[in-house]
PDB file of all heavy atoms in Angstrom:
ATOM      1  N   ASN A   1       0.849  -1.183   0.018  1.00  0.00           N
ATOM      2  CA  ASN A   1      -0.023  -0.020   0.027  1.00  0.00           C
ATOM      3  C   ASN A   1       0.884   1.251   0.010  1.00  0.00           C
ATOM      4  O   ASN A   1       0.700   2.130   0.749  1.00  0.00           O
ATOM      5  CB  ASN A   1      -0.971   0.019   1.123  1.00  0.00           C
ATOM      6  CG  ASN A   1      -2.109   1.040   0.925  1.00  0.00           C
ATOM      7  OD1 ASN A   1      -2.674   1.036  -0.150  1.00  0.00           O
ATOM      8  ND2 ASN A   1      -2.393   1.851   1.906  1.00  0.00           N
ATOM      9  N   ASP A   2       1.878   1.204  -0.869  1.00  0.00           N
ATOM     10  CA  ASP A   2       2.833   2.282  -1.010  1.00  0.00           C
ATOM     11  C   ASP A   2       2.847   2.768  -2.491  1.00  0.00           C
ATOM     12  O   ASP A   2       2.490   2.010  -3.396  1.00  0.00           O
ATOM     13  CB  ASP A   2       4.209   1.824  -0.515  1.00  0.00           C
ATOM     14  CG  ASP A   2       4.693   0.516  -1.053  1.00  0.00           C
ATOM     15  OD1 ASP A   2       3.920  -0.137  -1.806  1.00  0.00           O
ATOM     16  OD2 ASP A   2       5.811   0.107  -0.771  1.00  0.00           O
ATOM     17  N   TYR A   3       3.307   3.993  -2.674  1.00  0.00           N
ATOM     18  CA  TYR A   3       3.146   4.626  -3.954  1.00  0.00           C
ATOM     19  C   TYR A   3       4.368   5.507  -4.238  1.00  0.00           C
ATOM     20  O   TYR A   3       5.063   5.907  -3.288  1.00  0.00           O
ATOM     21  CB  TYR A   3       1.896   5.498  -3.965  1.00  0.00           C
ATOM     22  CG  TYR A   3       0.700   4.768  -3.479  1.00  0.00           C
ATOM     23  CD1 TYR A   3       0.360   4.706  -2.135  1.00  0.00           C
ATOM     24  CD2 TYR A   3      -0.149   4.150  -4.413  1.00  0.00           C
ATOM     25  CE1 TYR A   3      -0.778   4.091  -1.703  1.00  0.00           C
ATOM     26  CE2 TYR A   3      -1.285   3.430  -3.925  1.00  0.00           C
ATOM     27  CZ  TYR A   3      -1.555   3.400  -2.621  1.00  0.00           C
ATOM     28  OH  TYR A   3      -2.671   2.735  -2.161  1.00  0.00           O
ATOM     29  N   LEU A   4       4.605   5.775  -5.496  1.00  0.00           N
ATOM     30  CA  LEU A   4       5.630   6.703  -5.888  1.00  0.00           C
ATOM     31  C   LEU A   4       4.981   7.779  -6.786  1.00  0.00           C
ATOM     32  O   LEU A   4       4.289   7.469  -7.802  1.00  0.00           O
ATOM     33  CB  LEU A   4       6.736   5.972  -6.701  1.00  0.00           C
ATOM     34  CG  LEU A   4       7.787   6.871  -7.337  1.00  0.00           C
ATOM     35  CD1 LEU A   4       8.561   7.673  -6.311  1.00  0.00           C
ATOM     36  CD2 LEU A   4       8.739   6.003  -8.164  1.00  0.00           C
ATOM     37  N   ILE A   5       5.138   9.028  -6.396  1.00  0.00           N
ATOM     38  CA  ILE A   5       4.645  10.161  -7.156  1.00  0.00           C
ATOM     39  C   ILE A   5       5.844  10.890  -7.714  1.00  0.00           C
ATOM     40  O   ILE A   5       6.764  11.279  -6.926  1.00  0.00           O
ATOM     41  CB  ILE A   5       3.824  11.179  -6.277  1.00  0.00           C
ATOM     42  CG1 ILE A   5       2.680  10.397  -5.505  1.00  0.00           C
ATOM     43  CG2 ILE A   5       3.313  12.311  -7.100  1.00  0.00           C
ATOM     44  CD1 ILE A   5       2.045  11.285  -4.477  1.00  0.00           C
ATOM     45  N   THR A   6       5.871  11.094  -9.009  1.00  0.00           N
ATOM     46  CA  THR A   6       7.008  11.860  -9.658  1.00  0.00           C
ATOM     47  C   THR A   6       6.462  13.202 -10.126  1.00  0.00           C
ATOM     48  O   THR A   6       5.285  13.315 -10.441  1.00  0.00           O
ATOM     49  CB  THR A   6       7.641  11.059 -10.782  1.00  0.00           C
ATOM     50  OG1 THR A   6       6.663  10.637 -11.678  1.00  0.00           O
ATOM     51  CG2 THR A   6       8.374   9.798 -10.255  1.00  0.00           C
ATOM     52  N   PHE A   7       7.369  14.122 -10.196  1.00  0.00           N
ATOM     53  CA  PHE A   7       6.998  15.531 -10.482  1.00  0.00           C
ATOM     54  C   PHE A   7       7.865  16.063 -11.666  1.00  0.00           C
ATOM     55  O   PHE A   7       9.001  15.639 -11.895  1.00  0.00           O
ATOM     56  CB  PHE A   7       7.238  16.449  -9.286  1.00  0.00           C
ATOM     57  CG  PHE A   7       6.351  16.109  -8.148  1.00  0.00           C
ATOM     58  CD1 PHE A   7       6.739  15.127  -7.218  1.00  0.00           C
ATOM     59  CD2 PHE A   7       5.168  16.754  -7.911  1.00  0.00           C
ATOM     60  CE1 PHE A   7       5.923  14.827  -6.143  1.00  0.00           C
ATOM     61  CE2 PHE A   7       4.376  16.449  -6.849  1.00  0.00           C
ATOM     62  CZ  PHE A   7       4.720  15.456  -5.972  1.00  0.00           C
ATOM     63  N   ASN A   8       7.262  16.996 -12.401  1.00  0.00           N
ATOM     64  CA  ASN A   8       8.033  17.623 -13.464  1.00  0.00           C
ATOM     65  C   ASN A   8       8.799  18.810 -12.921  1.00  0.00           C
ATOM     66  O   ASN A   8       8.738  19.037 -11.648  1.00  0.00           O
ATOM     67  CB  ASN A   8       7.109  18.111 -14.632  1.00  0.00           C
ATOM     68  CG  ASN A   8       6.097  19.157 -14.239  1.00  0.00           C
ATOM     69  OD1 ASN A   8       6.212  19.837 -13.219  1.00  0.00           O
ATOM     70  ND2 ASN A   8       5.028  19.225 -15.021  1.00  0.00           N
ATOM     71  N   ASN A   9       9.529  19.567 -13.718  1.00  0.00           N
ATOM     72  CA  ASN A   9      10.331  20.642 -13.166  1.00  0.00           C
ATOM     73  C   ASN A   9       9.536  21.878 -12.667  1.00  0.00           C
ATOM     74  O   ASN A   9      10.037  22.805 -12.109  1.00  0.00           O
ATOM     75  CB  ASN A   9      11.406  21.118 -14.176  1.00  0.00           C
ATOM     76  CG  ASN A   9      10.814  21.578 -15.461  1.00  0.00           C
ATOM     77  OD1 ASN A   9       9.580  21.649 -15.626  1.00  0.00           O
ATOM     78  ND2 ASN A   9      11.693  21.916 -16.392  1.00  0.00           N
ATOM     79  N   LYS A  10       8.168  21.825 -12.918  1.00  0.00           N
ATOM     80  CA  LYS A  10       7.293  22.922 -12.373  1.00  0.00           C
ATOM     81  C   LYS A  10       6.601  22.440 -11.094  1.00  0.00           C
ATOM     82  O   LYS A  10       5.612  23.037 -10.637  1.00  0.00           O
ATOM     83  CB  LYS A  10       6.211  23.246 -13.414  1.00  0.00           C
ATOM     84  CG  LYS A  10       6.843  23.918 -14.666  1.00  0.00           C
ATOM     85  CD  LYS A  10       5.784  24.186 -15.710  1.00  0.00           C
ATOM     86  CE  LYS A  10       6.403  24.738 -16.961  1.00  0.00           C
ATOM     87  NZ  LYS A  10       5.396  24.962 -17.992  1.00  0.00           N
ATOM     88  N   ASN A  11       7.024  21.274 -10.518  1.00  0.00           N
ATOM     89  CA  ASN A  11       6.540  20.696  -9.336  1.00  0.00           C
ATOM     90  C   ASN A  11       5.074  20.201  -9.460  1.00  0.00           C
ATOM     91  O   ASN A  11       4.326  20.072  -8.496  1.00  0.00           O
ATOM     92  CB  ASN A  11       6.556  21.644  -8.119  1.00  0.00           C
ATOM     93  CG  ASN A  11       8.039  21.981  -7.781  1.00  0.00           C
ATOM     94  OD1 ASN A  11       8.886  21.150  -7.887  1.00  0.00           O
ATOM     95  ND2 ASN A  11       8.239  23.191  -7.317  1.00  0.00           N
ATOM     96  N   GLU A  12       4.683  19.884 -10.719  1.00  0.00           N
ATOM     97  CA  GLU A  12       3.346  19.323 -11.009  1.00  0.00           C
ATOM     98  C   GLU A  12       3.487  17.805 -11.075  1.00  0.00           C
ATOM     99  O   GLU A  12       4.579  17.280 -11.502  1.00  0.00           O
ATOM    100  CB  GLU A  12       2.873  19.806 -12.409  1.00  0.00           C
ATOM    101  CG  GLU A  12       2.709  21.337 -12.466  1.00  0.00           C
ATOM    102  CD  GLU A  12       2.582  21.833 -13.831  1.00  0.00           C
ATOM    103  OE1 GLU A  12       3.077  21.247 -14.775  1.00  0.00           O
ATOM    104  OE2 GLU A  12       1.956  22.933 -13.979  1.00  0.00           O
ATOM    105  N   VAL A  13       2.488  17.142 -10.599  1.00  0.00           N
ATOM    106  CA  VAL A  13       2.543  15.646 -10.627  1.00  0.00           C
ATOM    107  C   VAL A  13       2.607  15.190 -12.096  1.00  0.00           C
ATOM    108  O   VAL A  13       1.860  15.530 -12.961  1.00  0.00           O
ATOM    109  CB  VAL A  13       1.294  15.060  -9.951  1.00  0.00           C
ATOM    110  CG1 VAL A  13       1.230  13.530 -10.133  1.00  0.00           C
ATOM    111  CG2 VAL A  13       1.239  15.419  -8.487  1.00  0.00           C
ATOM    112  N   LYS A  14       3.591  14.373 -12.308  1.00  0.00           N
ATOM    113  CA  LYS A  14       3.823  13.776 -13.686  1.00  0.00           C
ATOM    114  C   LYS A  14       3.284  12.382 -13.721  1.00  0.00           C
ATOM    115  O   LYS A  14       2.728  11.938 -14.701  1.00  0.00           O
ATOM    116  CB  LYS A  14       5.332  13.790 -13.966  1.00  0.00           C
ATOM    117  CG  LYS A  14       5.727  13.345 -15.321  1.00  0.00           C
ATOM    118  CD  LYS A  14       7.199  13.629 -15.669  1.00  0.00           C
ATOM    119  CE  LYS A  14       8.170  12.840 -14.787  1.00  0.00           C
ATOM    120  NZ  LYS A  14       9.558  12.993 -15.224  1.00  0.00           N
ATOM    121  N   ASN A  15       3.468  11.593 -12.638  1.00  0.00           N
ATOM    122  CA  ASN A  15       3.058  10.217 -12.603  1.00  0.00           C
ATOM    123  C   ASN A  15       2.801   9.757 -11.173  1.00  0.00           C
ATOM    124  O   ASN A  15       3.494  10.179 -10.256  1.00  0.00           O
ATOM    125  CB  ASN A  15       4.148   9.312 -13.261  1.00  0.00           C
ATOM    126  CG  ASN A  15       3.676   7.900 -13.474  1.00  0.00           C
ATOM    127  OD1 ASN A  15       2.629   7.690 -13.953  1.00  0.00           O
ATOM    128  ND2 ASN A  15       4.482   6.949 -13.098  1.00  0.00           N
ATOM    129  N   VAL A  16       1.823   8.840 -11.057  1.00  0.00           N
ATOM    130  CA  VAL A  16       1.540   8.203  -9.734  1.00  0.00           C
ATOM    131  C   VAL A  16       1.498   6.718  -9.983  1.00  0.00           C
ATOM    132  O   VAL A  16       0.834   6.254 -10.954  1.00  0.00           O
ATOM    133  CB  VAL A  16       0.156   8.609  -9.205  1.00  0.00           C
ATOM    134  CG1 VAL A  16      -0.136   7.882  -7.871  1.00  0.00           C
ATOM    135  CG2 VAL A  16       0.166  10.146  -8.958  1.00  0.00           C
ATOM    136  N   GLU A  17       2.243   5.891  -9.226  1.00  0.00           N
ATOM    137  CA  GLU A  17       2.187   4.464  -9.378  1.00  0.00           C
ATOM    138  C   GLU A  17       2.223   3.739  -8.079  1.00  0.00           C
ATOM    139  O   GLU A  17       2.804   4.200  -7.085  1.00  0.00           O
ATOM    140  CB  GLU A  17       3.352   4.003 -10.289  1.00  0.00           C
ATOM    141  CG  GLU A  17       4.701   4.291  -9.766  1.00  0.00           C
ATOM    142  CD  GLU A  17       5.832   3.882 -10.702  1.00  0.00           C
ATOM    143  OE1 GLU A  17       5.931   2.679 -11.065  1.00  0.00           O
ATOM    144  OE2 GLU A  17       6.596   4.753 -11.093  1.00  0.00           O
ATOM    145  N   LYS A  18       1.604   2.551  -8.100  1.00  0.00           N
ATOM    146  CA  LYS A  18       1.664   1.652  -6.936  1.00  0.00           C
ATOM    147  C   LYS A  18       2.984   0.883  -7.004  1.00  0.00           C
ATOM    148  O   LYS A  18       3.407   0.480  -8.049  1.00  0.00           O
ATOM    149  CB  LYS A  18       0.500   0.640  -6.962  1.00  0.00           C
ATOM    150  CG  LYS A  18      -0.866   1.232  -6.782  1.00  0.00           C
ATOM    151  CD  LYS A  18      -1.897   0.140  -7.046  1.00  0.00           C
ATOM    152  CE  LYS A  18      -2.429  -0.420  -5.796  1.00  0.00           C
ATOM    153  NZ  LYS A  18      -3.522  -1.325  -5.931  1.00  0.00           N
ATOM    154  N   LEU A  19       3.579   0.668  -5.814  1.00  0.00           N
ATOM    155  CA  LEU A  19       4.841  -0.123  -5.750  1.00  0.00           C
ATOM    156  C   LEU A  19       4.516  -1.587  -5.398  1.00  0.00           C
ATOM    157  O   LEU A  19       5.323  -2.462  -5.694  1.00  0.00           O
ATOM    158  CB  LEU A  19       5.794   0.472  -4.749  1.00  0.00           C
ATOM    159  CG  LEU A  19       6.170   1.937  -5.016  1.00  0.00           C
ATOM    160  CD1 LEU A  19       7.199   2.396  -3.961  1.00  0.00           C
ATOM    161  CD2 LEU A  19       6.631   2.172  -6.404  1.00  0.00           C
ATOM    162  N   HIS A  20       3.402  -1.825  -4.684  1.00  0.00           N
ATOM    163  CA  HIS A  20       2.939  -3.175  -4.393  1.00  0.00           C
ATOM    164  C   HIS A  20       1.485  -3.313  -4.756  1.00  0.00           C
ATOM    165  O   HIS A  20       0.742  -2.318  -4.787  1.00  0.00           O
ATOM    166  CB  HIS A  20       3.057  -3.430  -2.852  1.00  0.00           C
ATOM    167  CG  HIS A  20       4.507  -3.596  -2.390  1.00  0.00           C
ATOM    168  ND1 HIS A  20       5.279  -2.520  -2.040  1.00  0.00           N
ATOM    169  CD2 HIS A  20       5.233  -4.760  -2.125  1.00  0.00           C
ATOM    170  CE1 HIS A  20       6.487  -2.966  -1.689  1.00  0.00           C
ATOM    171  NE2 HIS A  20       6.479  -4.266  -1.684  1.00  0.00           N
ATOM    172  N   ASN A  21       1.049  -4.505  -4.985  1.00  0.00           N
ATOM    173  CA  ASN A  21      -0.298  -4.736  -5.416  1.00  0.00           C
ATOM    174  C   ASN A  21      -1.289  -4.754  -4.245  1.00  0.00           C
ATOM    175  O   ASN A  21      -2.533  -4.615  -4.506  1.00  0.00           O
ATOM    176  CB  ASN A  21      -0.393  -6.112  -6.123  1.00  0.00           C
ATOM    177  CG  ASN A  21      -1.592  -6.179  -7.001  1.00  0.00           C
ATOM    178  OD1 ASN A  21      -1.984  -5.243  -7.636  1.00  0.00           O
ATOM    179  ND2 ASN A  21      -2.195  -7.364  -7.021  1.00  0.00           N
ATOM    180  N   SER A  22      -0.830  -4.875  -3.046  1.00  0.00           N
ATOM    181  CA  SER A  22      -1.712  -4.937  -1.860  1.00  0.00           C
ATOM    182  C   SER A  22      -0.947  -4.480  -0.637  1.00  0.00           C
ATOM    183  O   SER A  22       0.147  -3.966  -0.715  1.00  0.00           O
ATOM    184  CB  SER A  22      -2.235  -6.363  -1.661  1.00  0.00           C
ATOM    185  OG  SER A  22      -1.154  -7.262  -1.434  1.00  0.00           O
ATOM    186  N   MET A  23      -1.601  -4.660   0.519  1.00  0.00           N
ATOM    187  CA  MET A  23      -0.992  -4.309   1.814  1.00  0.00           C
ATOM    188  C   MET A  23      -0.791  -5.608   2.633  1.00  0.00           C
ATOM    189  O   MET A  23      -1.742  -6.419   2.689  1.00  0.00           O
ATOM    190  CB  MET A  23      -1.799  -3.322   2.613  1.00  0.00           C
ATOM    191  CG  MET A  23      -1.159  -2.866   3.883  1.00  0.00           C
ATOM    192  SD  MET A  23      -2.163  -1.667   4.826  1.00  0.00           S
ATOM    193  CE  MET A  23      -3.194  -2.768   5.698  1.00  0.00           C
ATOM    194  N   ILE A  24       0.369  -5.737   3.237  1.00  0.00           N
ATOM    195  CA  ILE A  24       0.673  -6.873   4.086  1.00  0.00           C
ATOM    196  C   ILE A  24       0.959  -6.382   5.476  1.00  0.00           C
ATOM    197  O   ILE A  24       1.908  -5.586   5.629  1.00  0.00           O
ATOM    198  CB  ILE A  24       1.855  -7.693   3.546  1.00  0.00           C
ATOM    199  CG1 ILE A  24       1.618  -8.145   2.124  1.00  0.00           C
ATOM    200  CG2 ILE A  24       2.181  -8.893   4.479  1.00  0.00           C
ATOM    201  CD1 ILE A  24       2.893  -8.219   1.323  1.00  0.00           C
ATOM    202  N   ALA A  25       0.142  -6.784   6.450  1.00  0.00           N
ATOM    203  CA  ALA A  25       0.467  -6.418   7.818  1.00  0.00           C
ATOM    204  C   ALA A  25       1.031  -7.675   8.516  1.00  0.00           C
ATOM    205  O   ALA A  25       0.402  -8.669   8.614  1.00  0.00           O
ATOM    206  CB  ALA A  25      -0.837  -5.967   8.538  1.00  0.00           C
ATOM    207  N   GLN A  26       2.275  -7.496   8.936  1.00  0.00           N
ATOM    208  CA  GLN A  26       2.960  -8.624   9.608  1.00  0.00           C
ATOM    209  C   GLN A  26       3.083  -8.333  11.107  1.00  0.00           C
ATOM    210  O   GLN A  26       3.648  -7.358  11.474  1.00  0.00           O
ATOM    211  CB  GLN A  26       4.354  -8.858   8.974  1.00  0.00           C
ATOM    212  CG  GLN A  26       4.190  -9.314   7.571  1.00  0.00           C
ATOM    213  CD  GLN A  26       5.576  -9.759   7.002  1.00  0.00           C
ATOM    214  OE1 GLN A  26       6.582  -9.312   7.412  1.00  0.00           O
ATOM    215  NE2 GLN A  26       5.463 -10.612   5.994  1.00  0.00           N
ATOM    216  N   ASN A  27       2.541  -9.235  11.903  1.00  0.00           N
ATOM    217  CA  ASN A  27       2.626  -9.132  13.348  1.00  0.00           C
ATOM    218  C   ASN A  27       4.009  -9.446  13.861  1.00  0.00           C
ATOM    219  O   ASN A  27       4.603 -10.417  13.314  1.00  0.00           O
ATOM    220  CB  ASN A  27       1.593 -10.009  14.035  1.00  0.00           C
ATOM    221  CG  ASN A  27       0.176  -9.577  13.790  1.00  0.00           C
ATOM    222  OD1 ASN A  27      -0.112  -8.430  13.835  1.00  0.00           O
ATOM    223  ND2 ASN A  27      -0.710 -10.536  13.572  1.00  0.00           N
ATOM    224  N   ILE A  28       4.453  -8.738  14.832  1.00  0.00           N
ATOM    225  CA  ILE A  28       5.775  -9.080  15.440  1.00  0.00           C
ATOM    226  C   ILE A  28       5.555  -9.195  16.907  1.00  0.00           C
ATOM    227  O   ILE A  28       4.657  -8.578  17.516  1.00  0.00           O
ATOM    228  CB  ILE A  28       6.804  -7.972  15.093  1.00  0.00           C
ATOM    229  CG1 ILE A  28       6.364  -6.587  15.614  1.00  0.00           C
ATOM    230  CG2 ILE A  28       7.180  -7.936  13.659  1.00  0.00           C
ATOM    231  CD1 ILE A  28       7.370  -5.474  15.463  1.00  0.00           C
ATOM    232  N   ASN A  29       6.351  -9.986  17.569  1.00  0.00           N
ATOM    233  CA  ASN A  29       6.313 -10.151  18.978  1.00  0.00           C
ATOM    234  C   ASN A  29       4.901 -10.470  19.527  1.00  0.00           C
ATOM    235  O   ASN A  29       4.462  -9.954  20.505  1.00  0.00           O
ATOM    236  CB  ASN A  29       6.887  -8.926  19.737  1.00  0.00           C
ATOM    237  CG  ASN A  29       8.276  -8.625  19.282  1.00  0.00           C
ATOM    238  OD1 ASN A  29       9.065  -9.551  18.934  1.00  0.00           O
ATOM    239  ND2 ASN A  29       8.648  -7.346  19.199  1.00  0.00           N
ATOM    240  N   ASP A  30       4.229 -11.328  18.815  1.00  0.00           N
ATOM    241  CA  ASP A  30       2.839 -11.752  19.131  1.00  0.00           C
ATOM    242  C   ASP A  30       2.971 -12.881  20.181  1.00  0.00           C
ATOM    243  O   ASP A  30       3.539 -13.948  19.868  1.00  0.00           O
ATOM    244  CB  ASP A  30       2.103 -12.202  17.883  1.00  0.00           C
ATOM    245  CG  ASP A  30       0.661 -12.478  18.099  1.00  0.00           C
ATOM    246  OD1 ASP A  30       0.263 -12.912  19.242  1.00  0.00           O
ATOM    247  OD2 ASP A  30      -0.117 -12.210  17.221  1.00  0.00           O
ATOM    248  N   GLU A  31       2.357 -12.721  21.353  1.00  0.00           N
ATOM    249  CA  GLU A  31       2.424 -13.778  22.376  1.00  0.00           C
ATOM    250  C   GLU A  31       1.824 -15.085  21.914  1.00  0.00           C
ATOM    251  O   GLU A  31       2.213 -16.134  22.354  1.00  0.00           O
ATOM    252  CB  GLU A  31       1.715 -13.317  23.630  1.00  0.00           C
ATOM    253  CG  GLU A  31       2.473 -12.189  24.335  1.00  0.00           C
ATOM    254  CD  GLU A  31       1.675 -11.694  25.524  1.00  0.00           C
ATOM    255  OE1 GLU A  31       0.704 -12.323  26.025  1.00  0.00           O
ATOM    256  OE2 GLU A  31       2.049 -10.588  26.051  1.00  0.00           O
ATOM    257  N   LYS A  32       0.853 -15.065  21.015  1.00  0.00           N
ATOM    258  CA  LYS A  32       0.194 -16.285  20.562  1.00  0.00           C
ATOM    259  C   LYS A  32       1.084 -17.064  19.577  1.00  0.00           C
ATOM    260  O   LYS A  32       1.087 -18.271  19.616  1.00  0.00           O
ATOM    261  CB  LYS A  32      -1.101 -15.943  19.855  1.00  0.00           C
ATOM    262  CG  LYS A  32      -2.154 -15.358  20.753  1.00  0.00           C
ATOM    263  CD  LYS A  32      -3.361 -14.929  19.979  1.00  0.00           C
ATOM    264  CE  LYS A  32      -4.382 -14.227  20.847  1.00  0.00           C
ATOM    265  NZ  LYS A  32      -5.467 -13.672  20.108  1.00  0.00           N
ATOM    266  N   ILE A  33       1.836 -16.374  18.745  1.00  0.00           N
ATOM    267  CA  ILE A  33       2.672 -17.114  17.782  1.00  0.00           C
ATOM    268  C   ILE A  33       4.154 -17.052  18.080  1.00  0.00           C
ATOM    269  O   ILE A  33       4.932 -17.673  17.474  1.00  0.00           O
ATOM    270  CB  ILE A  33       2.427 -16.584  16.343  1.00  0.00           C
ATOM    271  CG1 ILE A  33       2.834 -15.087  16.254  1.00  0.00           C
ATOM    272  CG2 ILE A  33       1.059 -16.772  15.884  1.00  0.00           C
ATOM    273  CD1 ILE A  33       2.824 -14.547  14.847  1.00  0.00           C
ATOM    274  N   GLY A  34       4.562 -16.220  19.028  1.00  0.00           N
ATOM    275  CA  GLY A  34       5.973 -16.141  19.374  1.00  0.00           C
ATOM    276  C   GLY A  34       6.696 -15.035  18.620  1.00  0.00           C
ATOM    277  O   GLY A  34       6.051 -14.303  17.877  1.00  0.00           O
ATOM    278  N   LYS A  35       7.962 -14.996  18.774  1.00  0.00           N
ATOM    279  CA  LYS A  35       8.752 -13.998  18.103  1.00  0.00           C
ATOM    280  C   LYS A  35       9.127 -14.438  16.731  1.00  0.00           C
ATOM    281  O   LYS A  35       9.606 -15.490  16.506  1.00  0.00           O
ATOM    282  CB  LYS A  35      10.028 -13.721  18.940  1.00  0.00           C
ATOM    283  CG  LYS A  35      10.896 -12.569  18.408  1.00  0.00           C
ATOM    284  CD  LYS A  35      11.898 -12.236  19.379  1.00  0.00           C
ATOM    285  CE  LYS A  35      12.864 -11.204  18.955  1.00  0.00           C
ATOM    286  NZ  LYS A  35      12.262  -9.933  18.521  1.00  0.00           N
ATOM    287  N   THR A  36       8.930 -13.597  15.710  1.00  0.00           N
ATOM    288  CA  THR A  36       9.311 -13.920  14.374  1.00  0.00           C
ATOM    289  C   THR A  36      10.788 -13.566  14.145  1.00  0.00           C
ATOM    290  O   THR A  36      11.323 -12.644  14.799  1.00  0.00           O
ATOM    291  CB  THR A  36       8.502 -13.158  13.310  1.00  0.00           C
ATOM    292  OG1 THR A  36       8.613 -11.775  13.569  1.00  0.00           O
ATOM    293  CG2 THR A  36       7.027 -13.551  13.379  1.00  0.00           C
ATOM    294  N   ILE A  37      11.508 -14.328  13.314  1.00  0.00           N
ATOM    295  CA  ILE A  37      12.900 -14.075  13.082  1.00  0.00           C
ATOM    296  C   ILE A  37      13.137 -13.616  11.664  1.00  0.00           C
ATOM    297  O   ILE A  37      14.274 -13.195  11.338  1.00  0.00           O
ATOM    298  CB  ILE A  37      13.762 -15.339  13.391  1.00  0.00           C
ATOM    299  CG1 ILE A  37      13.310 -16.503  12.599  1.00  0.00           C
ATOM    300  CG2 ILE A  37      13.686 -15.643  14.854  1.00  0.00           C
ATOM    301  CD1 ILE A  37      14.259 -17.685  12.621  1.00  0.00           C
ATOM    302  N   SER A  38      12.147 -13.703  10.799  1.00  0.00           N
ATOM    303  CA  SER A  38      12.341 -13.312   9.416  1.00  0.00           C
ATOM    304  C   SER A  38      10.949 -13.101   8.806  1.00  0.00           C
ATOM    305  O   SER A  38       9.921 -13.370   9.465  1.00  0.00           O
ATOM    306  CB  SER A  38      13.056 -14.370   8.628  1.00  0.00           C
ATOM    307  OG  SER A  38      13.361 -13.949   7.348  1.00  0.00           O
ATOM    308  N   GLY A  39      10.927 -12.674   7.574  1.00  0.00           N
ATOM    309  CA  GLY A  39       9.662 -12.498   6.849  1.00  0.00           C
ATOM    310  C   GLY A  39       9.917 -12.586   5.368  1.00  0.00           C
ATOM    311  O   GLY A  39      11.003 -12.555   4.856  1.00  0.00           O
ATOM    312  N   VAL A  40       8.786 -12.707   4.678  1.00  0.00           N
ATOM    313  CA  VAL A  40       8.802 -12.818   3.213  1.00  0.00           C
ATOM    314  C   VAL A  40       7.528 -12.254   2.638  1.00  0.00           C
ATOM    315  O   VAL A  40       6.472 -12.416   3.238  1.00  0.00           O
ATOM    316  CB  VAL A  40       9.036 -14.277   2.727  1.00  0.00           C
ATOM    317  CG1 VAL A  40       7.911 -15.130   3.135  1.00  0.00           C
ATOM    318  CG2 VAL A  40       9.291 -14.380   1.273  1.00  0.00           C
ATOM    319  N   HIS A  41       7.606 -11.598   1.472  1.00  0.00           N
ATOM    320  CA  HIS A  41       6.446 -11.302   0.684  1.00  0.00           C
ATOM    321  C   HIS A  41       6.823 -11.309  -0.797  1.00  0.00           C
ATOM    322  O   HIS A  41       7.961 -11.272  -1.172  1.00  0.00           O
ATOM    323  CB  HIS A  41       5.756  -9.968   1.099  1.00  0.00           C
ATOM    324  CG  HIS A  41       6.515  -8.755   0.772  1.00  0.00           C
ATOM    325  ND1 HIS A  41       7.309  -8.085   1.681  1.00  0.00           N
ATOM    326  CD2 HIS A  41       6.546  -8.012  -0.427  1.00  0.00           C
ATOM    327  CE1 HIS A  41       7.806  -7.004   1.086  1.00  0.00           C
ATOM    328  NE2 HIS A  41       7.364  -6.928  -0.166  1.00  0.00           N
ATOM    329  N   SER A  42       5.812 -11.383  -1.627  1.00  0.00           N
ATOM    330  CA  SER A  42       6.012 -11.476  -3.052  1.00  0.00           C
ATOM    331  C   SER A  42       5.693 -10.156  -3.730  1.00  0.00           C
ATOM    332  O   SER A  42       4.932  -9.358  -3.271  1.00  0.00           O
ATOM    333  CB  SER A  42       5.224 -12.553  -3.685  1.00  0.00           C
ATOM    334  OG  SER A  42       3.808 -12.352  -3.505  1.00  0.00           O
TER     335      SER A  42
END
């Protein structure tokens, strides 16, 4: 859920694009699942 906005030399928006197709919320230090040591997404 991140984006890149590029501008022309007049500070006008030239392009808007998504960097990922969706949003991934990863829990950390969750008492139910324990401590995570790494992560992965596509």
